[in-house]
Amino acid sequence: MSLDRAEVEHLASLVRIGLSNDEIETLRDQLSQILEQFDVLRELDTSSVIPTGHAGNLQTVMRDDLPGECLTAEEVVSNAPRTEGDLIRVKAVLEE
């Protein structure tokens, strides 16, 4: 699958990057080659391949998430950069 210049310019606008004419041509060639590789992969017969979540047998290195003692309200508020009484003060996200 070959991309044309307009498609590369459209992709660049979607990801909000500016490209020079040389960069557009370079990316057009590179992206076209990548898409051609997907066409090659699409032709492979994978009907006998068992779907997997990972290519290797991965095991988690994370510890079990066990419940522990909760912080008191005073401990939580003491960690906040800005407080107002016993509440945590945050910047406004939405204006009314």
PDB file of N, CA and C in Angstrom:
ATOM      1  N   MET A   1       0.853  -1.173   0.000  1.00  0.00           N
ATOM      2  CA  MET A   1       0.000   0.000   0.000  1.00  0.00           C
ATOM      3  C   MET A   1       0.897   1.234   0.000  1.00  0.00           C
ATOM      4  N   SER A   2       0.689   2.064  -0.960  1.00  0.00           N
ATOM      5  CA  SER A   2       1.507   3.261  -1.082  1.00  0.00           C
ATOM      6  C   SER A   2       0.706   4.481  -0.652  1.00  0.00           C
ATOM      7  N   LEU A   3       1.309   5.275   0.205  1.00  0.00           N
ATOM      8  CA  LEU A   3       0.660   6.508   0.658  1.00  0.00           C
ATOM      9  C   LEU A   3       1.004   7.644  -0.291  1.00  0.00           C
ATOM     10  N   ASP A   4       0.073   8.557  -0.466  1.00  0.00           N
ATOM     11  CA  ASP A   4       0.396   9.740  -1.262  1.00  0.00           C
ATOM     12  C   ASP A   4       0.707  10.910  -0.328  1.00  0.00           C
ATOM     13  N   ARG A   5       1.163  11.983  -0.915  1.00  0.00           N
ATOM     14  CA  ARG A   5       1.594  13.156  -0.162  1.00  0.00           C
ATOM     15  C   ARG A   5       0.480  13.725   0.722  1.00  0.00           C
ATOM     16  N   ALA A   6      -0.740  13.760   0.213  1.00  0.00           N
ATOM     17  CA  ALA A   6      -1.869  14.314   0.968  1.00  0.00           C
ATOM     18  C   ALA A   6      -2.147  13.500   2.228  1.00  0.00           C
ATOM     19  N   GLU A   7      -1.994  12.181   2.135  1.00  0.00           N
ATOM     20  CA  GLU A   7      -2.238  11.337   3.301  1.00  0.00           C
ATOM     21  C   GLU A   7      -1.186  11.577   4.380  1.00  0.00           C
ATOM     22  N   VAL A   8       0.063  11.751   3.981  1.00  0.00           N
ATOM     23  CA  VAL A   8       1.122  12.040   4.957  1.00  0.00           C
ATOM     24  C   VAL A   8       0.886  13.407   5.595  1.00  0.00           C
ATOM     25  N   GLU A   9       0.492  14.380   4.807  1.00  0.00           N
ATOM     26  CA  GLU A   9       0.194  15.704   5.359  1.00  0.00           C
ATOM     27  C   GLU A   9      -0.977  15.635   6.328  1.00  0.00           C
ATOM     28  N   HIS A  10      -1.982  14.814   5.999  1.00  0.00           N
ATOM     29  CA  HIS A  10      -3.127  14.646   6.898  1.00  0.00           C
ATOM     30  C   HIS A  10      -2.691  13.998   8.213  1.00  0.00           C
ATOM     31  N   LEU A  11      -1.855  12.951   8.128  1.00  0.00           N
ATOM     32  CA  LEU A  11      -1.345  12.312   9.347  1.00  0.00           C
ATOM     33  C   LEU A  11      -0.546  13.303  10.186  1.00  0.00           C
ATOM     34  N   ALA A  12       0.277  14.113   9.540  1.00  0.00           N
ATOM     35  CA  ALA A  12       1.078  15.107  10.261  1.00  0.00           C
ATOM     36  C   ALA A  12       0.172  16.111  10.971  1.00  0.00           C
ATOM     37  N   SER A  13      -0.920  16.493  10.332  1.00  0.00           N
ATOM     38  CA  SER A  13      -1.835  17.440  10.988  1.00  0.00           C
ATOM     39  C   SER A  13      -2.545  16.796  12.177  1.00  0.00           C
ATOM     40  N   LEU A  14      -2.840  15.489  12.065  1.00  0.00           N
ATOM     41  CA  LEU A  14      -3.497  14.796  13.176  1.00  0.00           C
ATOM     42  C   LEU A  14      -2.603  14.730  14.403  1.00  0.00           C
ATOM     43  N   VAL A  15      -1.303  14.520  14.206  1.00  0.00           N
ATOM     44  CA  VAL A  15      -0.381  14.438  15.337  1.00  0.00           C
ATOM     45  C   VAL A  15       0.266  15.789  15.638  1.00  0.00           C
ATOM     46  N   ARG A  16      -0.171  16.809  14.905  1.00  0.00           N
ATOM     47  CA  ARG A  16       0.240  18.193  15.148  1.00  0.00           C
ATOM     48  C   ARG A  16       1.756  18.387  15.071  1.00  0.00           C
ATOM     49  N   ILE A  17       2.327  17.906  13.947  1.00  0.00           N
ATOM     50  CA  ILE A  17       3.742  18.150  13.712  1.00  0.00           C
ATOM     51  C   ILE A  17       3.900  18.831  12.357  1.00  0.00           C
ATOM     52  N   GLY A  18       4.840  19.717  12.281  1.00  0.00           N
ATOM     53  CA  GLY A  18       5.139  20.370  11.025  1.00  0.00           C
ATOM     54  C   GLY A  18       6.232  19.601  10.296  1.00  0.00           C
ATOM     55  N   LEU A  19       6.070  19.428   9.005  1.00  0.00           N
ATOM     56  CA  LEU A  19       7.042  18.690   8.210  1.00  0.00           C
ATOM     57  C   LEU A  19       7.470  19.519   7.009  1.00  0.00           C
ATOM     58  N   SER A  20       8.747  19.427   6.697  1.00  0.00           N
ATOM     59  CA  SER A  20       9.241  20.064   5.476  1.00  0.00           C
ATOM     60  C   SER A  20       8.900  19.166   4.292  1.00  0.00           C
ATOM     61  N   ASN A  21       9.094  19.678   3.079  1.00  0.00           N
ATOM     62  CA  ASN A  21       8.816  18.873   1.888  1.00  0.00           C
ATOM     63  C   ASN A  21       9.673  17.613   1.849  1.00  0.00           C
ATOM     64  N   ASP A  22      10.943  17.742   2.236  1.00  0.00           N
ATOM     65  CA  ASP A  22      11.821  16.564   2.262  1.00  0.00           C
ATOM     66  C   ASP A  22      11.351  15.541   3.290  1.00  0.00           C
ATOM     67  N   GLU A  23      10.931  16.025   4.453  1.00  0.00           N
ATOM     68  CA  GLU A  23      10.456  15.113   5.502  1.00  0.00           C
ATOM     69  C   GLU A  23       9.176  14.405   5.065  1.00  0.00           C
ATOM     70  N   ILE A  24       8.304  15.106   4.365  1.00  0.00           N
ATOM     71  CA  ILE A  24       7.064  14.493   3.881  1.00  0.00           C
ATOM     72  C   ILE A  24       7.392  13.349   2.926  1.00  0.00           C
ATOM     73  N   GLU A  25       8.324  13.579   2.009  1.00  0.00           N
ATOM     74  CA  GLU A  25       8.697  12.537   1.055  1.00  0.00           C
ATOM     75  C   GLU A  25       9.361  11.354   1.751  1.00  0.00           C
ATOM     76  N   THR A  26      10.232  11.645   2.721  1.00  0.00           N
ATOM     77  CA  THR A  26      10.900  10.575   3.461  1.00  0.00           C
ATOM     78  C   THR A  26       9.880   9.737   4.226  1.00  0.00           C
ATOM     79  N   LEU A  27       8.978  10.401   4.922  1.00  0.00           N
ATOM     80  CA  LEU A  27       7.956   9.673   5.680  1.00  0.00           C
ATOM     81  C   LEU A  27       7.006   8.921   4.769  1.00  0.00           C
ATOM     82  N   ARG A  28       6.686   9.498   3.619  1.00  0.00           N
ATOM     83  CA  ARG A  28       5.808   8.819   2.676  1.00  0.00           C
ATOM     84  C   ARG A  28       6.428   7.480   2.259  1.00  0.00           C
ATOM     85  N   ASP A  29       7.711   7.498   1.930  1.00  0.00           N
ATOM     86  CA  ASP A  29       8.391   6.263   1.548  1.00  0.00           C
ATOM     87  C   ASP A  29       8.459   5.274   2.705  1.00  0.00           C
ATOM     88  N   GLN A  30       8.839   5.752   3.895  1.00  0.00           N
ATOM     89  CA  GLN A  30       8.999   4.867   5.047  1.00  0.00           C
ATOM     90  C   GLN A  30       7.662   4.258   5.481  1.00  0.00           C
ATOM     91  N   LEU A  31       6.628   5.084   5.550  1.00  0.00           N
ATOM     92  CA  LEU A  31       5.319   4.575   5.973  1.00  0.00           C
ATOM     93  C   LEU A  31       4.747   3.613   4.943  1.00  0.00           C
ATOM     94  N   SER A  32       4.988   3.872   3.671  1.00  0.00           N
ATOM     95  CA  SER A  32       4.525   2.957   2.619  1.00  0.00           C
ATOM     96  C   SER A  32       5.198   1.603   2.758  1.00  0.00           C
ATOM     97  N   GLN A  33       6.495   1.592   3.057  1.00  0.00           N
ATOM     98  CA  GLN A  33       7.213   0.331   3.239  1.00  0.00           C
ATOM     99  C   GLN A  33       6.684  -0.431   4.450  1.00  0.00           C
ATOM    100  N   ILE A  34       6.380   0.284   5.522  1.00  0.00           N
ATOM    101  CA  ILE A  34       5.837  -0.372   6.723  1.00  0.00           C
ATOM    102  C   ILE A  34       4.486  -1.004   6.409  1.00  0.00           C
ATOM    103  N   LEU A  35       3.632  -0.279   5.709  1.00  0.00           N
ATOM    104  CA  LEU A  35       2.319  -0.818   5.361  1.00  0.00           C
ATOM    105  C   LEU A  35       2.439  -2.017   4.421  1.00  0.00           C
ATOM    106  N   GLU A  36       3.409  -2.016   3.541  1.00  0.00           N
ATOM    107  CA  GLU A  36       3.631  -3.166   2.665  1.00  0.00           C
ATOM    108  C   GLU A  36       4.024  -4.390   3.476  1.00  0.00           C
ATOM    109  N   GLN A  37       4.773  -4.207   4.550  1.00  0.00           N
ATOM    110  CA  GLN A  37       5.142  -5.333   5.409  1.00  0.00           C
ATOM    111  C   GLN A  37       3.912  -5.931   6.091  1.00  0.00           C
ATOM    112  N   PHE A  38       2.936  -5.090   6.438  1.00  0.00           N
ATOM    113  CA  PHE A  38       1.696  -5.615   7.013  1.00  0.00           C
ATOM    114  C   PHE A  38       0.930  -6.433   5.981  1.00  0.00           C
ATOM    115  N   ASP A  39       0.993  -6.029   4.709  1.00  0.00           N
ATOM    116  CA  ASP A  39       0.352  -6.821   3.657  1.00  0.00           C
ATOM    117  C   ASP A  39       0.991  -8.203   3.556  1.00  0.00           C
ATOM    118  N   VAL A  40       2.308  -8.271   3.694  1.00  0.00           N
ATOM    119  CA  VAL A  40       3.008  -9.565   3.676  1.00  0.00           C
ATOM    120  C   VAL A  40       2.551 -10.415   4.860  1.00  0.00           C
ATOM    121  N   LEU A  41       2.470  -9.827   6.042  1.00  0.00           N
ATOM    122  CA  LEU A  41       2.041 -10.571   7.227  1.00  0.00           C
ATOM    123  C   LEU A  41       0.594 -11.038   7.104  1.00  0.00           C
ATOM    124  N   ARG A  42      -0.229 -10.249   6.448  1.00  0.00           N
ATOM    125  CA  ARG A  42      -1.644 -10.589   6.296  1.00  0.00           C
ATOM    126  C   ARG A  42      -1.810 -11.868   5.461  1.00  0.00           C
ATOM    127  N   GLU A  43      -0.850 -12.168   4.596  1.00  0.00           N
ATOM    128  CA  GLU A  43      -0.927 -13.354   3.746  1.00  0.00           C
ATOM    129  C   GLU A  43      -0.590 -14.653   4.486  1.00  0.00           C
ATOM    130  N   LEU A  44       0.004 -14.563   5.659  1.00  0.00           N
ATOM    131  CA  LEU A  44       0.390 -15.757   6.407  1.00  0.00           C
ATOM    132  C   LEU A  44      -0.827 -16.500   6.951  1.00  0.00           C
ATOM    133  N   ASP A  45      -0.746 -17.834   6.927  1.00  0.00           N
ATOM    134  CA  ASP A  45      -1.803 -18.663   7.500  1.00  0.00           C
ATOM    135  C   ASP A  45      -1.524 -18.850   8.983  1.00  0.00           C
ATOM    136  N   THR A  46      -2.325 -18.246   9.820  1.00  0.00           N
ATOM    137  CA  THR A  46      -2.143 -18.338  11.270  1.00  0.00           C
ATOM    138  C   THR A  46      -3.284 -19.120  11.925  1.00  0.00           C
ATOM    139  N   SER A  47      -4.011 -19.900  11.135  1.00  0.00           N
ATOM    140  CA  SER A  47      -5.165 -20.616  11.682  1.00  0.00           C
ATOM    141  C   SER A  47      -4.762 -21.654  12.729  1.00  0.00           C
ATOM    142  N   SER A  48      -3.543 -22.196  12.663  1.00  0.00           N
ATOM    143  CA  SER A  48      -3.120 -23.214  13.631  1.00  0.00           C
ATOM    144  C   SER A  48      -2.315 -22.618  14.788  1.00  0.00           C
ATOM    145  N   VAL A  49      -2.194 -21.314  14.846  1.00  0.00           N
ATOM    146  CA  VAL A  49      -1.426 -20.664  15.898  1.00  0.00           C
ATOM    147  C   VAL A  49      -2.368 -20.286  17.039  1.00  0.00           C
ATOM    148  N   ILE A  50      -2.003 -20.709  18.234  1.00  0.00           N
ATOM    149  CA  ILE A  50      -2.817 -20.410  19.412  1.00  0.00           C
ATOM    150  C   ILE A  50      -2.601 -18.940  19.798  1.00  0.00           C
ATOM    151  N   PRO A  51      -3.690 -18.174  19.943  1.00  0.00           N
ATOM    152  CA  PRO A  51      -3.533 -16.764  20.338  1.00  0.00           C
ATOM    153  C   PRO A  51      -2.899 -16.655  21.720  1.00  0.00           C
ATOM    154  N   THR A  52      -2.014 -15.700  21.870  1.00  0.00           N
ATOM    155  CA  THR A  52      -1.356 -15.474  23.152  1.00  0.00           C
ATOM    156  C   THR A  52      -1.439 -14.008  23.519  1.00  0.00           C
ATOM    157  N   GLY A  53      -1.318 -13.736  24.795  1.00  0.00           N
ATOM    158  CA  GLY A  53      -1.282 -12.360  25.265  1.00  0.00           C
ATOM    159  C   GLY A  53       0.113 -11.778  25.160  1.00  0.00           C
ATOM    160  N   HIS A  54       1.136 -12.648  25.260  1.00  0.00           N
ATOM    161  CA  HIS A  54       2.532 -12.224  25.195  1.00  0.00           C
ATOM    162  C   HIS A  54       3.313 -13.247  24.381  1.00  0.00           C
ATOM    163  N   ALA A  55       4.367 -12.798  23.771  1.00  0.00           N
ATOM    164  CA  ALA A  55       5.195 -13.709  22.980  1.00  0.00           C
ATOM    165  C   ALA A  55       5.967 -14.678  23.870  1.00  0.00           C
ATOM    166  N   GLY A  56       6.301 -14.268  25.058  1.00  0.00           N
ATOM    167  CA  GLY A  56       7.046 -15.119  25.982  1.00  0.00           C
ATOM    168  C   GLY A  56       6.223 -15.448  27.202  1.00  0.00           C
ATOM    169  N   ASN A  57       6.731 -16.345  28.010  1.00  0.00           N
ATOM    170  CA  ASN A  57       6.052 -16.723  29.240  1.00  0.00           C
ATOM    171  C   ASN A  57       6.455 -15.735  30.334  1.00  0.00           C
ATOM    172  N   LEU A  58       5.720 -14.658  30.432  1.00  0.00           N
ATOM    173  CA  LEU A  58       6.046 -13.612  31.391  1.00  0.00           C
ATOM    174  C   LEU A  58       5.344 -13.844  32.720  1.00  0.00           C
ATOM    175  N   GLN A  59       6.041 -13.521  33.779  1.00  0.00           N
ATOM    176  CA  GLN A  59       5.439 -13.563  35.102  1.00  0.00           C
ATOM    177  C   GLN A  59       5.599 -12.183  35.723  1.00  0.00           C
ATOM    178  N   THR A  60       4.624 -11.805  36.472  1.00  0.00           N
ATOM    179  CA  THR A  60       4.666 -10.488  37.074  1.00  0.00           C
ATOM    180  C   THR A  60       5.730 -10.409  38.155  1.00  0.00           C
ATOM    181  N   VAL A  61       6.378  -9.273  38.233  1.00  0.00           N
ATOM    182  CA  VAL A  61       7.370  -9.047  39.269  1.00  0.00           C
ATOM    183  C   VAL A  61       6.789  -8.168  40.374  1.00  0.00           C
ATOM    184  N   MET A  62       5.514  -7.877  40.261  1.00  0.00           N
ATOM    185  CA  MET A  62       4.857  -7.010  41.239  1.00  0.00           C
ATOM    186  C   MET A  62       4.410  -7.843  42.445  1.00  0.00           C
ATOM    187  N   ARG A  63       4.379  -7.208  43.566  1.00  0.00           N
ATOM    188  CA  ARG A  63       3.915  -7.896  44.767  1.00  0.00           C
ATOM    189  C   ARG A  63       2.392  -7.967  44.755  1.00  0.00           C
ATOM    190  N   ASP A  64       1.845  -8.865  45.546  1.00  0.00           N
ATOM    191  CA  ASP A  64       0.400  -8.945  45.671  1.00  0.00           C
ATOM    192  C   ASP A  64      -0.118  -7.665  46.302  1.00  0.00           C
ATOM    193  N   ASP A  65      -1.277  -7.236  45.856  1.00  0.00           N
ATOM    194  CA  ASP A  65      -1.890  -6.030  46.391  1.00  0.00           C
ATOM    195  C   ASP A  65      -2.727  -6.417  47.612  1.00  0.00           C
ATOM    196  N   LEU A  66      -2.139  -6.246  48.776  1.00  0.00           N
ATOM    197  CA  LEU A  66      -2.806  -6.632  50.017  1.00  0.00           C
ATOM    198  C   LEU A  66      -3.282  -5.385  50.752  1.00  0.00           C
ATOM    199  N   PRO A  67      -4.464  -5.451  51.339  1.00  0.00           N
ATOM    200  CA  PRO A  67      -4.948  -4.288  52.084  1.00  0.00           C
ATOM    201  C   PRO A  67      -4.091  -4.055  53.323  1.00  0.00           C
ATOM    202  N   GLY A  68      -3.897  -2.804  53.632  1.00  0.00           N
ATOM    203  CA  GLY A  68      -3.122  -2.449  54.813  1.00  0.00           C
ATOM    204  C   GLY A  68      -3.867  -1.395  55.614  1.00  0.00           C
ATOM    205  N   GLU A  69      -3.189  -0.846  56.593  1.00  0.00           N
ATOM    206  CA  GLU A  69      -3.824   0.183  57.408  1.00  0.00           C
ATOM    207  C   GLU A  69      -3.935   1.470  56.605  1.00  0.00           C
ATOM    208  N   CYS A  70      -5.023   2.173  56.789  1.00  0.00           N
ATOM    209  CA  CYS A  70      -5.267   3.431  56.082  1.00  0.00           C
ATOM    210  C   CYS A  70      -4.604   4.576  56.836  1.00  0.00           C
ATOM    211  N   LEU A  71      -4.271   5.621  56.080  1.00  0.00           N
ATOM    212  CA  LEU A  71      -3.768   6.836  56.709  1.00  0.00           C
ATOM    213  C   LEU A  71      -4.914   7.572  57.375  1.00  0.00           C
ATOM    214  N   THR A  72      -4.603   8.287  58.408  1.00  0.00           N
ATOM    215  CA  THR A  72      -5.627   9.122  59.041  1.00  0.00           C
ATOM    216  C   THR A  72      -5.821  10.356  58.181  1.00  0.00           C
ATOM    217  N   ALA A  73      -6.919  11.064  58.406  1.00  0.00           N
ATOM    218  CA  ALA A  73      -7.201  12.287  57.647  1.00  0.00           C
ATOM    219  C   ALA A  73      -6.089  13.310  57.839  1.00  0.00           C
ATOM    220  N   GLU A  74      -5.554  13.405  59.044  1.00  0.00           N
ATOM    221  CA  GLU A  74      -4.475  14.352  59.314  1.00  0.00           C
ATOM    222  C   GLU A  74      -3.215  13.996  58.536  1.00  0.00           C
ATOM    223  N   GLU A  75      -2.903  12.698  58.434  1.00  0.00           N
ATOM    224  CA  GLU A  75      -1.720  12.265  57.678  1.00  0.00           C
ATOM    225  C   GLU A  75      -1.873  12.566  56.184  1.00  0.00           C
ATOM    226  N   VAL A  76      -3.070  12.373  55.665  1.00  0.00           N
ATOM    227  CA  VAL A  76      -3.311  12.655  54.249  1.00  0.00           C
ATOM    228  C   VAL A  76      -3.157  14.138  53.979  1.00  0.00           C
ATOM    229  N   VAL A  77      -3.787  14.968  54.787  1.00  0.00           N
ATOM    230  CA  VAL A  77      -3.733  16.420  54.588  1.00  0.00           C
ATOM    231  C   VAL A  77      -2.312  16.931  54.786  1.00  0.00           C
ATOM    232  N   SER A  78      -1.530  16.311  55.657  1.00  0.00           N
ATOM    233  CA  SER A  78      -0.162  16.774  55.893  1.00  0.00           C
ATOM    234  C   SER A  78       0.736  16.558  54.671  1.00  0.00           C
ATOM    235  N   ASN A  79       0.361  15.660  53.763  1.00  0.00           N
ATOM    236  CA  ASN A  79       1.133  15.408  52.550  1.00  0.00           C
ATOM    237  C   ASN A  79       0.751  16.328  51.395  1.00  0.00           C
ATOM    238  N   ALA A  80      -0.329  17.068  51.520  1.00  0.00           N
ATOM    239  CA  ALA A  80      -0.816  17.910  50.425  1.00  0.00           C
ATOM    240  C   ALA A  80      -0.027  19.210  50.363  1.00  0.00           C
ATOM    241  N   PRO A  81       0.267  19.707  49.136  1.00  0.00           N
ATOM    242  CA  PRO A  81       1.009  20.962  49.028  1.00  0.00           C
ATOM    243  C   PRO A  81       0.187  22.179  49.452  1.00  0.00           C
ATOM    244  N   ARG A  82      -1.139  22.118  49.254  1.00  0.00           N
ATOM    245  CA  ARG A  82      -2.009  23.246  49.645  1.00  0.00           C
ATOM    246  C   ARG A  82      -3.236  22.695  50.364  1.00  0.00           C
ATOM    247  N   THR A  83      -3.555  23.267  51.479  1.00  0.00           N
ATOM    248  CA  THR A  83      -4.730  22.830  52.230  1.00  0.00           C
ATOM    249  C   THR A  83      -5.574  24.031  52.602  1.00  0.00           C
ATOM    250  N   GLU A  84      -6.791  23.733  52.938  1.00  0.00           N
ATOM    251  CA  GLU A  84      -7.716  24.749  53.437  1.00  0.00           C
ATOM    252  C   GLU A  84      -8.508  24.088  54.557  1.00  0.00           C
ATOM    253  N   GLY A  85      -8.102  24.363  55.783  1.00  0.00           N
ATOM    254  CA  GLY A  85      -8.689  23.663  56.918  1.00  0.00           C
ATOM    255  C   GLY A  85      -8.273  22.203  56.876  1.00  0.00           C
ATOM    256  N   ASP A  86      -9.246  21.297  56.935  1.00  0.00           N
ATOM    257  CA  ASP A  86      -8.923  19.880  56.855  1.00  0.00           C
ATOM    258  C   ASP A  86      -9.176  19.313  55.453  1.00  0.00           C
ATOM    259  N   LEU A  87      -9.182  20.206  54.438  1.00  0.00           N
ATOM    260  CA  LEU A  87      -9.400  19.810  53.051  1.00  0.00           C
ATOM    261  C   LEU A  87      -8.144  20.068  52.217  1.00  0.00           C
ATOM    262  N   ILE A  88      -8.017  19.349  51.116  1.00  0.00           N
ATOM    263  CA  ILE A  88      -6.911  19.562  50.183  1.00  0.00           C
ATOM    264  C   ILE A  88      -7.373  20.567  49.136  1.00  0.00           C
ATOM    265  N   ARG A  89      -6.590  21.613  48.943  1.00  0.00           N
ATOM    266  CA  ARG A  89      -6.917  22.660  47.974  1.00  0.00           C
ATOM    267  C   ARG A  89      -6.267  22.322  46.624  1.00  0.00           C
ATOM    268  N   VAL A  90      -7.071  22.318  45.544  1.00  0.00           N
ATOM    269  CA  VAL A  90      -6.558  22.037  44.205  1.00  0.00           C
ATOM    270  C   VAL A  90      -6.916  23.187  43.281  1.00  0.00           C
ATOM    271  N   LYS A  91      -6.205  23.278  42.141  1.00  0.00           N
ATOM    272  CA  LYS A  91      -6.518  24.289  41.148  1.00  0.00           C
ATOM    273  C   LYS A  91      -7.856  23.988  40.506  1.00  0.00           C
ATOM    274  N   ALA A  92      -8.575  25.030  40.113  1.00  0.00           N
ATOM    275  CA  ALA A  92      -9.846  24.847  39.443  1.00  0.00           C
ATOM    276  C   ALA A  92      -9.628  24.206  38.083  1.00  0.00           C
ATOM    277  N   VAL A  93     -10.455  23.222  37.755  1.00  0.00           N
ATOM    278  CA  VAL A  93     -10.349  22.554  36.467  1.00  0.00           C
ATOM    279  C   VAL A  93     -11.381  23.127  35.501  1.00  0.00           C
ATOM    280  N   LEU A  94     -12.558  23.321  35.969  1.00  0.00           N
ATOM    281  CA  LEU A  94     -13.636  23.861  35.146  1.00  0.00           C
ATOM    282  C   LEU A  94     -14.105  25.180  35.731  1.00  0.00           C
ATOM    283  N   GLU A  95     -14.309  26.136  34.869  1.00  0.00           N
ATOM    284  CA  GLU A  95     -14.847  27.416  35.305  1.00  0.00           C
ATOM    285  C   GLU A  95     -16.367  27.338  35.303  1.00  0.00           C
ATOM    286  N   GLU A  96     -16.986  28.017  36.239  1.00  0.00           N
ATOM    287  CA  GLU A  96     -18.453  28.033  36.275  1.00  0.00           C
ATOM    288  C   GLU A  96     -18.987  29.210  35.516  1.00  0.00           C
TER     289      GLU A  96
END
